[in-house]
All heavy atoms as atom14 arrays in JSON, in Angstrom:
{
  "sequence": "GPGATNLVTGIATAYMDSIPMVAITGQVKSFLIGNDAFQEAD",
  "atom14_mask": [
    [1, 1, 1, 1, 0, 0, 0, 0, 0, 0, 0, 0, 0, 0],
    [1, 1, 1, 1, 1, 1, 1, 0, 0, 0, 0, 0, 0, 0],
    [1, 1, 1, 1, 0, 0, 0, 0, 0, 0, 0, 0, 0, 0],
    [1, 1, 1, 1, 1, 0, 0, 0, 0, 0, 0, 0, 0, 0],
    [1, 1, 1, 1, 1, 1, 1, 0, 0, 0, 0, 0, 0, 0],
    [1, 1, 1, 1, 1, 1, 1, 1, 0, 0, 0, 0, 0, 0],
    [1, 1, 1, 1, 1, 1, 1, 1, 0, 0, 0, 0, 0, 0],
    [1, 1, 1, 1, 1, 1, 1, 0, 0, 0, 0, 0, 0, 0],
    [1, 1, 1, 1, 1, 1, 1, 0, 0, 0, 0, 0, 0, 0],
    [1, 1, 1, 1, 0, 0, 0, 0, 0, 0, 0, 0, 0, 0],
    [1, 1, 1, 1, 1, 1, 1, 1, 0, 0, 0, 0, 0, 0],
    [1, 1, 1, 1, 1, 0, 0, 0, 0, 0, 0, 0, 0, 0],
    [1, 1, 1, 1, 1, 1, 1, 0, 0, 0, 0, 0, 0, 0],
    [1, 1, 1, 1, 1, 0, 0, 0, 0, 0, 0, 0, 0, 0],
    [1, 1, 1, 1, 1, 1, 1, 1, 1, 1, 1, 1, 0, 0],
    [1, 1, 1, 1, 1, 1, 1, 1, 0, 0, 0, 0, 0, 0],
    [1, 1, 1, 1, 1, 1, 1, 1, 0, 0, 0, 0, 0, 0],
    [1, 1, 1, 1, 1, 1, 0, 0, 0, 0, 0, 0, 0, 0],
    [1, 1, 1, 1, 1, 1, 1, 1, 0, 0, 0, 0, 0, 0],
    [1, 1, 1, 1, 1, 1, 1, 0, 0, 0, 0, 0, 0, 0],
    [1, 1, 1, 1, 1, 1, 1, 1, 0, 0, 0, 0, 0, 0],
    [1, 1, 1, 1, 1, 1, 1, 0, 0, 0, 0, 0, 0, 0],
    [1, 1, 1, 1, 1, 0, 0, 0, 0, 0, 0, 0, 0, 0],
    [1, 1, 1, 1, 1, 1, 1, 1, 0, 0, 0, 0, 0, 0],
    [1, 1, 1, 1, 1, 1, 1, 0, 0, 0, 0, 0, 0, 0],
    [1, 1, 1, 1, 0, 0, 0, 0, 0, 0, 0, 0, 0, 0],
    [1, 1, 1, 1, 1, 1, 1, 1, 1, 0, 0, 0, 0, 0],
    [1, 1, 1, 1, 1, 1, 1, 0, 0, 0, 0, 0, 0, 0],
    [1, 1, 1, 1, 1, 1, 1, 1, 1, 0, 0, 0, 0, 0],
    [1, 1, 1, 1, 1, 1, 0, 0, 0, 0, 0, 0, 0, 0],
    [1, 1, 1, 1, 1, 1, 1, 1, 1, 1, 1, 0, 0, 0],
    [1, 1, 1, 1, 1, 1, 1, 1, 0, 0, 0, 0, 0, 0],
    [1, 1, 1, 1, 1, 1, 1, 1, 0, 0, 0, 0, 0, 0],
    [1, 1, 1, 1, 0, 0, 0, 0, 0, 0, 0, 0, 0, 0],
    [1, 1, 1, 1, 1, 1, 1, 1, 0, 0, 0, 0, 0, 0],
    [1, 1, 1, 1, 1, 1, 1, 1, 0, 0, 0, 0, 0, 0],
    [1, 1, 1, 1, 1, 0, 0, 0, 0, 0, 0, 0, 0, 0],
    [1, 1, 1, 1, 1, 1, 1, 1, 1, 1, 1, 0, 0, 0],
    [1, 1, 1, 1, 1, 1, 1, 1, 1, 0, 0, 0, 0, 0],
    [1, 1, 1, 1, 1, 1, 1, 1, 1, 0, 0, 0, 0, 0],
    [1, 1, 1, 1, 1, 0, 0, 0, 0, 0, 0, 0, 0, 0],
    [1, 1, 1, 1, 1, 1, 1, 1, 0, 0, 0, 0, 0, 0]
  ],
  "atom14_positions": [
    [[0.8, -1.22, 0.0], [0.0, 0.0, 0.0], [0.83, 1.26, 0.0], [1.61, 1.5, -0.92], [0.0, 0.0, 0.0], [0.0, 0.0, 0.0], [0.0, 0.0, 0.0], [0.0, 0.0, 0.0], [0.0, 0.0, 0.0], [0.0, 0.0, 0.0], [0.0, 0.0, 0.0], [0.0, 0.0, 0.0], [0.0, 0.0, 0.0], [0.0, 0.0, 0.0]],
    [[0.69, 2.1, 1.04], [1.41, 3.38, 1.07], [2.92, 3.22, 1.08], [3.64, 4.07, 0.56], [0.91, 4.06, 2.34], [0.41, 2.93, 3.2], [-0.15, 1.92, 2.24], [0.0, 0.0, 0.0], [0.0, 0.0, 0.0], [0.0, 0.0, 0.0], [0.0, 0.0, 0.0], [0.0, 0.0, 0.0], [0.0, 0.0, 0.0], [0.0, 0.0, 0.0]],
    [[3.42, 2.16, 1.68], [4.86, 1.92, 1.66], [5.35, 1.7, 0.24], [6.35, 2.29, -0.19], [0.0, 0.0, 0.0], [0.0, 0.0, 0.0], [0.0, 0.0, 0.0], [0.0, 0.0, 0.0], [0.0, 0.0, 0.0], [0.0, 0.0, 0.0], [0.0, 0.0, 0.0], [0.0, 0.0, 0.0], [0.0, 0.0, 0.0], [0.0, 0.0, 0.0]],
    [[4.63, 0.88, -0.51], [5.01, 0.59, -1.89], [4.87, 1.83, -2.78], [5.76, 2.14, -3.58], [4.16, -0.55, -2.44], [0.0, 0.0, 0.0], [0.0, 0.0, 0.0], [0.0, 0.0, 0.0], [0.0, 0.0, 0.0], [0.0, 0.0, 0.0], [0.0, 0.0, 0.0], [0.0, 0.0, 0.0], [0.0, 0.0, 0.0], [0.0, 0.0, 0.0]],
    [[3.77, 2.55, -2.64], [3.57, 3.71, -3.5], [4.57, 4.83, -3.2], [4.87, 5.63, -4.08], [2.13, 4.25, -3.39], [1.84, 4.56, -2.03], [1.12, 3.23, -3.91], [0.0, 0.0, 0.0], [0.0, 0.0, 0.0], [0.0, 0.0, 0.0], [0.0, 0.0, 0.0], [0.0, 0.0, 0.0], [0.0, 0.0, 0.0], [0.0, 0.0, 0.0]],
    [[5.09, 4.87, -1.98], [6.11, 5.88, -1.67], [7.42, 5.63, -2.42], [8.27, 6.53, -2.48], [6.39, 5.92, -0.17], [5.32, 6.68, 0.6], [4.55, 7.44, 0.02], [5.27, 6.48, 1.9], [0.0, 0.0, 0.0], [0.0, 0.0, 0.0], [0.0, 0.0, 0.0], [0.0, 0.0, 0.0], [0.0, 0.0, 0.0], [0.0, 0.0, 0.0]],
    [[7.61, 4.45, -2.98], [8.82, 4.15, -3.74], [8.76, 4.71, -5.16], [9.8, 4.78, -5.85], [9.02, 2.63, -3.84], [9.29, 1.84, -2.57], [9.36, 0.35, -2.91], [10.59, 2.28, -1.91], [0.0, 0.0, 0.0], [0.0, 0.0, 0.0], [0.0, 0.0, 0.0], [0.0, 0.0, 0.0], [0.0, 0.0, 0.0], [0.0, 0.0, 0.0]],
    [[7.59, 5.11, -5.61], [7.37, 5.38, -7.03], [8.32, 6.45, -7.59], [8.89, 6.27, -8.67], [5.9, 5.74, -7.3], [5.71, 6.31, -8.71], [5.01, 4.51, -7.11], [0.0, 0.0, 0.0], [0.0, 0.0, 0.0], [0.0, 0.0, 0.0], [0.0, 0.0, 0.0], [0.0, 0.0, 0.0], [0.0, 0.0, 0.0], [0.0, 0.0, 0.0]],
    [[8.5, 7.56, -6.89], [9.36, 8.62, -7.43], [10.79, 8.13, -7.63], [11.42, 8.42, -8.65], [9.35, 9.85, -6.5], [8.02, 10.36, -6.41], [10.27, 10.94, -7.01], [0.0, 0.0, 0.0], [0.0, 0.0, 0.0], [0.0, 0.0, 0.0], [0.0, 0.0, 0.0], [0.0, 0.0, 0.0], [0.0, 0.0, 0.0], [0.0, 0.0, 0.0]],
    [[11.31, 7.38, -6.67], [12.67, 6.85, -6.8], [12.78, 5.83, -7.92], [13.8, 5.79, -8.63], [0.0, 0.0, 0.0], [0.0, 0.0, 0.0], [0.0, 0.0, 0.0], [0.0, 0.0, 0.0], [0.0, 0.0, 0.0], [0.0, 0.0, 0.0], [0.0, 0.0, 0.0], [0.0, 0.0, 0.0], [0.0, 0.0, 0.0], [0.0, 0.0, 0.0]],
    [[11.76, 5.01, -8.09], [11.76, 4.03, -9.18], [11.74, 4.75, -10.52], [12.47, 4.39, -11.46], [10.57, 3.06, -9.05], [10.71, 2.19, -7.81], [10.44, 2.19, -10.3], [9.49, 1.34, -7.5], [0.0, 0.0, 0.0], [0.0, 0.0, 0.0], [0.0, 0.0, 0.0], [0.0, 0.0, 0.0], [0.0, 0.0, 0.0], [0.0, 0.0, 0.0]],
    [[10.9, 5.79, -10.63], [10.82, 6.54, -11.88], [12.15, 7.22, -12.2], [12.57, 7.27, -13.36], [9.7, 7.59, -11.79], [0.0, 0.0, 0.0], [0.0, 0.0, 0.0], [0.0, 0.0, 0.0], [0.0, 0.0, 0.0], [0.0, 0.0, 0.0], [0.0, 0.0, 0.0], [0.0, 0.0, 0.0], [0.0, 0.0, 0.0], [0.0, 0.0, 0.0]],
    [[12.83, 7.72, -11.18], [14.14, 8.34, -11.39], [15.13, 7.32, -11.95], [15.86, 7.6, -12.91], [14.68, 8.91, -10.06], [13.78, 9.9, -9.58], [16.05, 9.54, -10.25], [0.0, 0.0, 0.0], [0.0, 0.0, 0.0], [0.0, 0.0, 0.0], [0.0, 0.0, 0.0], [0.0, 0.0, 0.0], [0.0, 0.0, 0.0], [0.0, 0.0, 0.0]],
    [[15.15, 6.14, -11.36], [16.05, 5.09, -11.83], [15.71, 4.66, -13.25], [16.6, 4.39, -14.06], [15.98, 3.89, -10.89], [0.0, 0.0, 0.0], [0.0, 0.0, 0.0], [0.0, 0.0, 0.0], [0.0, 0.0, 0.0], [0.0, 0.0, 0.0], [0.0, 0.0, 0.0], [0.0, 0.0, 0.0], [0.0, 0.0, 0.0], [0.0, 0.0, 0.0]],
    [[14.43, 4.64, -13.55], [14.0, 4.24, -14.9], [14.45, 5.26, -15.94], [14.99, 4.9, -16.99], [12.48, 4.08, -14.94], [11.93, 3.63, -16.28], [12.08, 2.3, -16.68], [11.27, 4.52, -17.12], [11.59, 1.88, -17.9], [10.77, 4.09, -18.34], [10.92, 2.78, -18.73], [10.44, 2.36, -19.94], [0.0, 0.0, 0.0], [0.0, 0.0, 0.0]],
    [[14.25, 6.54, -15.66], [14.62, 7.59, -16.6], [16.13, 7.66, -16.83], [16.6, 7.98, -17.92], [14.11, 8.95, -16.12], [12.6, 9.08, -16.11], [11.86, 8.86, -17.75], [12.5, 10.3, -18.59], [0.0, 0.0, 0.0], [0.0, 0.0, 0.0], [0.0, 0.0, 0.0], [0.0, 0.0, 0.0], [0.0, 0.0, 0.0], [0.0, 0.0, 0.0]],
    [[16.91, 7.33, -15.78], [18.36, 7.42, -15.88], [19.04, 6.07, -16.12], [20.26, 5.97, -16.06], [18.94, 8.07, -14.62], [18.64, 9.56, -14.55], [18.19, 10.12, -15.56], [18.86, 10.16, -13.49], [0.0, 0.0, 0.0], [0.0, 0.0, 0.0], [0.0, 0.0, 0.0], [0.0, 0.0, 0.0], [0.0, 0.0, 0.0], [0.0, 0.0, 0.0]],
    [[18.24, 5.02, -16.35], [18.78, 3.68, -16.66], [19.68, 3.16, -15.54], [20.84, 2.79, -15.77], [19.52, 3.69, -17.99], [18.69, 4.15, -19.03], [0.0, 0.0, 0.0], [0.0, 0.0, 0.0], [0.0, 0.0, 0.0], [0.0, 0.0, 0.0], [0.0, 0.0, 0.0], [0.0, 0.0, 0.0], [0.0, 0.0, 0.0], [0.0, 0.0, 0.0]],
    [[19.16, 3.15, -14.32], [19.92, 2.71, -13.15], [19.42, 1.34, -12.7], [18.22, 1.13, -12.53], [19.75, 3.72, -11.99], [20.16, 5.13, -12.44], [20.57, 3.26, -10.78], [21.58, 5.26, -12.94], [0.0, 0.0, 0.0], [0.0, 0.0, 0.0], [0.0, 0.0, 0.0], [0.0, 0.0, 0.0], [0.0, 0.0, 0.0], [0.0, 0.0, 0.0]],
    [[20.33, 0.37, -12.49], [19.9, -0.98, -12.08], [19.41, -1.01, -10.63], [20.14, -0.66, -9.71], [21.17, -1.81, -12.25], [22.29, -0.84, -12.09], [21.8, 0.46, -12.65], [0.0, 0.0, 0.0], [0.0, 0.0, 0.0], [0.0, 0.0, 0.0], [0.0, 0.0, 0.0], [0.0, 0.0, 0.0], [0.0, 0.0, 0.0], [0.0, 0.0, 0.0]],
    [[18.17, -1.41, -10.45], [17.57, -1.45, -9.12], [16.55, -2.58, -9.05], [15.86, -2.85, -10.03], [16.87, -0.12, -8.81], [16.13, -0.08, -7.48], [14.91, 1.26, -7.38], [15.98, 2.67, -7.35], [0.0, 0.0, 0.0], [0.0, 0.0, 0.0], [0.0, 0.0, 0.0], [0.0, 0.0, 0.0], [0.0, 0.0, 0.0], [0.0, 0.0, 0.0]],
    [[16.48, -3.23, -7.9], [15.39, -4.17, -7.63], [14.63, -3.65, -6.42], [15.2, -3.49, -5.34], [15.91, -5.6, -7.36], [14.77, -6.5, -6.88], [16.52, -6.18, -8.64], [0.0, 0.0, 0.0], [0.0, 0.0, 0.0], [0.0, 0.0, 0.0], [0.0, 0.0, 0.0], [0.0, 0.0, 0.0], [0.0, 0.0, 0.0], [0.0, 0.0, 0.0]],
    [[13.35, -3.35, -6.63], [12.48, -2.89, -5.55], [11.61, -4.06, -5.11], [10.9, -4.66, -5.92], [11.6, -1.73, -6.03], [0.0, 0.0, 0.0], [0.0, 0.0, 0.0], [0.0, 0.0, 0.0], [0.0, 0.0, 0.0], [0.0, 0.0, 0.0], [0.0, 0.0, 0.0], [0.0, 0.0, 0.0], [0.0, 0.0, 0.0], [0.0, 0.0, 0.0]],
    [[11.67, -4.38, -3.83], [10.88, -5.49, -3.27], [9.79, -4.89, -2.4], [10.07, -4.09, -1.5], [11.78, -6.43, -2.46], [12.87, -7.03, -3.35], [10.95, -7.54, -1.81], [13.96, -7.74, -2.59], [0.0, 0.0, 0.0], [0.0, 0.0, 0.0], [0.0, 0.0, 0.0], [0.0, 0.0, 0.0], [0.0, 0.0, 0.0], [0.0, 0.0, 0.0]],
    [[8.56, -5.27, -2.68], [7.44, -4.75, -1.91], [6.63, -5.89, -1.31], [6.5, -6.95, -1.91], [6.51, -3.87, -2.78], [6.11, -4.62, -3.93], [7.22, -2.61, -3.22], [0.0, 0.0, 0.0], [0.0, 0.0, 0.0], [0.0, 0.0, 0.0], [0.0, 0.0, 0.0], [0.0, 0.0, 0.0], [0.0, 0.0, 0.0], [0.0, 0.0, 0.0]],
    [[6.09, -5.64, -0.12], [5.15, -6.58, 0.47], [3.77, -6.35, -0.13], [3.47, -5.27, -0.65], [0.0, 0.0, 0.0], [0.0, 0.0, 0.0], [0.0, 0.0, 0.0], [0.0, 0.0, 0.0], [0.0, 0.0, 0.0], [0.0, 0.0, 0.0], [0.0, 0.0, 0.0], [0.0, 0.0, 0.0], [0.0, 0.0, 0.0], [0.0, 0.0, 0.0]],
    [[2.94, -7.37, -0.06], [1.57, -7.25, -0.56], [0.64, -7.97, 0.42], [1.07, -8.82, 1.21], [1.48, -7.88, -1.97], [0.14, -7.76, -2.66], [-0.34, -6.32, -2.76], [-0.98, -5.81, -1.82], [-0.02, -5.65, -3.87], [0.0, 0.0, 0.0], [0.0, 0.0, 0.0], [0.0, 0.0, 0.0], [0.0, 0.0, 0.0], [0.0, 0.0, 0.0]],
    [[-0.64, -7.6, 0.38], [-1.61, -8.27, 1.25], [-1.67, -9.75, 0.9], [-1.16, -10.19, -0.14], [-3.0, -7.62, 1.11], [-2.95, -6.14, 1.5], [-3.56, -7.78, -0.31], [0.0, 0.0, 0.0], [0.0, 0.0, 0.0], [0.0, 0.0, 0.0], [0.0, 0.0, 0.0], [0.0, 0.0, 0.0], [0.0, 0.0, 0.0], [0.0, 0.0, 0.0]],
    [[-2.3, -10.53, 1.75], [-2.39, -11.97, 1.5], [-3.03, -12.25, 0.14], [-3.92, -11.52, -0.3], [-3.18, -12.65, 2.61], [-2.46, -12.63, 3.95], [-3.26, -13.32, 5.05], [-2.49, -13.29, 6.38], [-3.24, -13.93, 7.48], [0.0, 0.0, 0.0], [0.0, 0.0, 0.0], [0.0, 0.0, 0.0], [0.0, 0.0, 0.0], [0.0, 0.0, 0.0]],
    [[-2.57, -13.3, -0.5], [-2.98, -13.61, -1.88], [-4.49, -13.62, -2.06], [-5.01, -13.08, -3.05], [-2.4, -14.96, -2.29], [-1.0, -14.97, -2.2], [0.0, 0.0, 0.0], [0.0, 0.0, 0.0], [0.0, 0.0, 0.0], [0.0, 0.0, 0.0], [0.0, 0.0, 0.0], [0.0, 0.0, 0.0], [0.0, 0.0, 0.0], [0.0, 0.0, 0.0]],
    [[-5.21, -14.21, -1.11], [-6.67, -14.35, -1.28], [-7.4, -13.02, -1.07], [-8.6, -12.92, -1.36], [-7.23, -15.44, -0.35], [-7.05, -15.15, 1.12], [-7.98, -14.39, 1.83], [-5.96, -15.65, 1.8], [-7.82, -14.13, 3.17], [-5.79, -15.4, 3.15], [-6.71, -14.63, 3.83], [0.0, 0.0, 0.0], [0.0, 0.0, 0.0], [0.0, 0.0, 0.0]],
    [[-6.68, -12.0, -0.6], [-7.31, -10.69, -0.4], [-7.07, -9.73, -1.58], [-7.69, -8.67, -1.65], [-6.79, -10.03, 0.88], [-7.2, -10.68, 2.2], [-6.48, -9.98, 3.36], [-8.71, -10.61, 2.39], [0.0, 0.0, 0.0], [0.0, 0.0, 0.0], [0.0, 0.0, 0.0], [0.0, 0.0, 0.0], [0.0, 0.0, 0.0], [0.0, 0.0, 0.0]],
    [[-6.16, -10.11, -2.47], [-5.81, -9.21, -3.58], [-7.04, -8.95, -4.44], [-7.75, -9.87, -4.85], [-4.67, -9.82, -4.43], [-3.38, -9.87, -3.61], [-4.44, -9.0, -5.71], [-2.22, -10.57, -4.31], [0.0, 0.0, 0.0], [0.0, 0.0, 0.0], [0.0, 0.0, 0.0], [0.0, 0.0, 0.0], [0.0, 0.0, 0.0], [0.0, 0.0, 0.0]],
    [[-7.28, -7.68, -4.71], [-8.43, -7.29, -5.52], [-9.67, -6.96, -4.72], [-10.7, -6.58, -5.29], [0.0, 0.0, 0.0], [0.0, 0.0, 0.0], [0.0, 0.0, 0.0], [0.0, 0.0, 0.0], [0.0, 0.0, 0.0], [0.0, 0.0, 0.0], [0.0, 0.0, 0.0], [0.0, 0.0, 0.0], [0.0, 0.0, 0.0], [0.0, 0.0, 0.0]],
    [[-9.59, -7.08, -3.38], [-10.74, -6.82, -2.52], [-10.63, -5.5, -1.76], [-11.36, -5.28, -0.79], [-10.92, -7.97, -1.52], [-11.42, -9.23, -2.2], [-12.39, -9.18, -2.96], [-10.76, -10.34, -1.96], [0.0, 0.0, 0.0], [0.0, 0.0, 0.0], [0.0, 0.0, 0.0], [0.0, 0.0, 0.0], [0.0, 0.0, 0.0], [0.0, 0.0, 0.0]],
    [[-9.7, -4.63, -2.18], [-9.48, -3.36, -1.47], [-9.18, -3.61, 0.0], [-9.72, -2.94, 0.9], [-10.69, -2.43, -1.61], [-10.9, -1.98, -3.05], [-9.89, -1.9, -3.78], [-12.04, -1.71, -3.43], [0.0, 0.0, 0.0], [0.0, 0.0, 0.0], [0.0, 0.0, 0.0], [0.0, 0.0, 0.0], [0.0, 0.0, 0.0], [0.0, 0.0, 0.0]],
    [[-8.31, -4.57, 0.25], [-7.95, -4.9, 1.62], [-7.13, -3.77, 2.25], [-6.66, -2.86, 1.57], [-7.14, -6.2, 1.64], [0.0, 0.0, 0.0], [0.0, 0.0, 0.0], [0.0, 0.0, 0.0], [0.0, 0.0, 0.0], [0.0, 0.0, 0.0], [0.0, 0.0, 0.0], [0.0, 0.0, 0.0], [0.0, 0.0, 0.0], [0.0, 0.0, 0.0]],
    [[-6.96, -3.86, 3.57], [-6.2, -2.85, 4.3], [-4.8, -2.73, 3.73], [-4.07, -3.71, 3.61], [-6.15, -3.22, 5.79], [-5.3, -2.3, 6.61], [-5.7, -0.99, 6.87], [-4.07, -2.73, 7.11], [-4.9, -0.14, 7.62], [-3.28, -1.9, 7.87], [-3.69, -0.59, 8.13], [0.0, 0.0, 0.0], [0.0, 0.0, 0.0], [0.0, 0.0, 0.0]],
    [[-4.41, -1.53, 3.37], [-3.1, -1.22, 2.78], [-2.81, -2.07, 1.55], [-1.67, -2.53, 1.33], [-1.98, -1.38, 3.82], [-2.03, -0.29, 4.89], [-0.73, -0.14, 5.66], [0.12, -1.03, 5.69], [-0.56, 1.01, 6.29], [0.0, 0.0, 0.0], [0.0, 0.0, 0.0], [0.0, 0.0, 0.0], [0.0, 0.0, 0.0], [0.0, 0.0, 0.0]],
    [[-3.81, -2.21, 0.7], [-3.59, -2.87, -0.58], [-3.46, -1.81, -1.68], [-4.2, -0.83, -1.71], [-4.75, -3.8, -0.95], [-4.55, -4.46, -2.31], [-5.78, -5.23, -2.8], [-6.79, -5.24, -2.09], [-5.71, -5.77, -3.92], [0.0, 0.0, 0.0], [0.0, 0.0, 0.0], [0.0, 0.0, 0.0], [0.0, 0.0, 0.0], [0.0, 0.0, 0.0]],
    [[-2.5, -2.0, -2.57], [-2.35, -1.16, -3.75], [-1.81, -2.03, -4.88], [-0.96, -2.91, -4.64], [-1.41, 0.02, -3.49], [0.0, 0.0, 0.0], [0.0, 0.0, 0.0], [0.0, 0.0, 0.0], [0.0, 0.0, 0.0], [0.0, 0.0, 0.0], [0.0, 0.0, 0.0], [0.0, 0.0, 0.0], [0.0, 0.0, 0.0], [0.0, 0.0, 0.0]],
    [[-2.3, -1.8, -6.07], [-1.83, -2.55, -7.23], [-0.5, -1.97, -7.69], [-0.41, -1.25, -8.68], [-2.88, -2.46, -8.35], [-2.44, -3.17, -9.62], [-1.49, -3.97, -9.55], [-3.06, -2.92, -10.68], [0.0, 0.0, 0.0], [0.0, 0.0, 0.0], [0.0, 0.0, 0.0], [0.0, 0.0, 0.0], [0.0, 0.0, 0.0], [0.0, 0.0, 0.0]]
  ]
}
């Protein structure tokens, strides 16, 4: 959710400047995906 979306500006910077990065994000439990669960973001 908000933790993952807070990475977006830094990821976009790396993308525009061709910088090698792996961003690892947590996600809600698999069976909750798509149900607008607490702190869920696509």
